[in-house]
């Protein structure tokens, strides 16, 4: 039991050292500005990558169909 409590106390100590992506002094939605900005960047990057992959797949499919037939 001592090892388990020591483990959780060490985990808690490490979590207190972490830098969290929000400002605890802010209130409301503004508190999560860094988190929402990072999420928006990731979503936009995913959409751009998906569009590039889909267009590349479409062009390559047409290219190979042209040479096969």
Protein backbone atom coordinates (compact mmCIF):
# COMPACT_ATOMS: atom_id res chain seq x y z
CA UNK A 1 0.00 0.00 0.00
CA UNK A 2 2.91 2.33 0.72
CA UNK A 3 4.20 1.94 -2.84
CA UNK A 4 0.82 2.86 -4.32
CA UNK A 5 0.46 6.01 -2.23
CA UNK A 6 4.06 6.97 -3.03
CA UNK A 7 3.37 6.46 -6.73
CA UNK A 8 0.30 8.72 -6.66
CA UNK A 9 2.09 11.39 -4.65
CA UNK A 10 4.92 11.40 -7.21
CA UNK A 11 2.41 11.58 -10.08
CA UNK A 12 0.68 14.51 -8.40
CA UNK A 13 4.03 16.28 -7.90
CA UNK A 14 4.91 15.85 -11.58
CA UNK A 15 1.49 17.11 -12.70
CA UNK A 16 1.98 20.25 -10.63
CA UNK A 17 5.24 20.91 -12.53
CA UNK A 18 3.54 20.64 -15.94
CA UNK A 19 2.70 23.64 -18.08
CA UNK A 20 -1.00 23.54 -18.93
CA UNK A 21 -2.42 25.09 -22.14
CA UNK A 22 -4.69 27.54 -20.33
CA UNK A 23 -4.35 30.52 -18.07
CA UNK A 24 -5.85 29.82 -14.63
CA UNK A 25 -6.33 33.56 -14.02
CA UNK A 26 -8.71 34.01 -16.96
CA UNK A 27 -12.42 33.30 -16.77
CA UNK A 28 -14.80 31.75 -19.26
CA UNK A 29 -13.91 30.82 -22.84
CA UNK A 30 -10.89 33.16 -22.92
CA UNK A 31 -9.22 30.83 -20.44
CA UNK A 32 -8.77 28.20 -23.16
CA UNK A 33 -7.47 30.52 -25.92
CA UNK A 34 -4.17 28.69 -26.43
CA UNK A 35 -5.95 25.34 -26.48
CA UNK A 36 -8.57 26.47 -29.02
CA UNK A 37 -5.94 28.14 -31.21
CA UNK A 38 -3.84 24.97 -31.30
CA UNK A 39 -6.93 22.85 -32.03
CA UNK A 40 -7.89 25.16 -34.90
CA UNK A 41 -4.41 24.92 -36.42
CA UNK A 42 -4.51 21.12 -36.23
CA UNK A 43 -7.98 20.93 -37.82
CA UNK A 44 -7.00 23.25 -40.67
CA UNK A 45 -3.81 21.26 -41.29
CA UNK A 46 -5.84 18.03 -41.38
CA UNK A 47 -8.29 19.49 -43.90
CA UNK A 48 -5.46 20.73 -46.15
CA UNK A 49 -3.67 17.38 -45.97
CA UNK A 50 -6.89 15.47 -46.70
CA UNK A 51 -7.62 17.70 -49.71
CA UNK A 52 -4.10 17.22 -51.05
CA UNK A 53 -4.26 13.45 -50.59
CA UNK A 54 -7.69 13.19 -52.22
CA UNK A 55 -6.71 15.33 -55.19
CA UNK A 56 -3.44 13.43 -55.67
CA UNK A 57 -5.35 10.13 -55.54
CA UNK A 58 -7.91 11.40 -58.07
CA UNK A 59 -5.22 12.63 -60.49
CA UNK A 60 -3.18 9.44 -60.23
CA UNK A 61 -6.27 7.29 -60.76
CA UNK A 62 -7.15 9.20 -63.93
CA UNK A 63 -3.52 9.06 -65.07
CA UNK A 64 -3.33 5.27 -64.74
CA UNK A 65 -6.78 4.74 -66.26
CA UNK A 66 -5.63 6.72 -69.29
CA UNK A 67 -2.60 4.49 -69.84
CA UNK A 68 -4.37 1.22 -69.02
CA UNK A 69 -7.28 1.72 -71.43
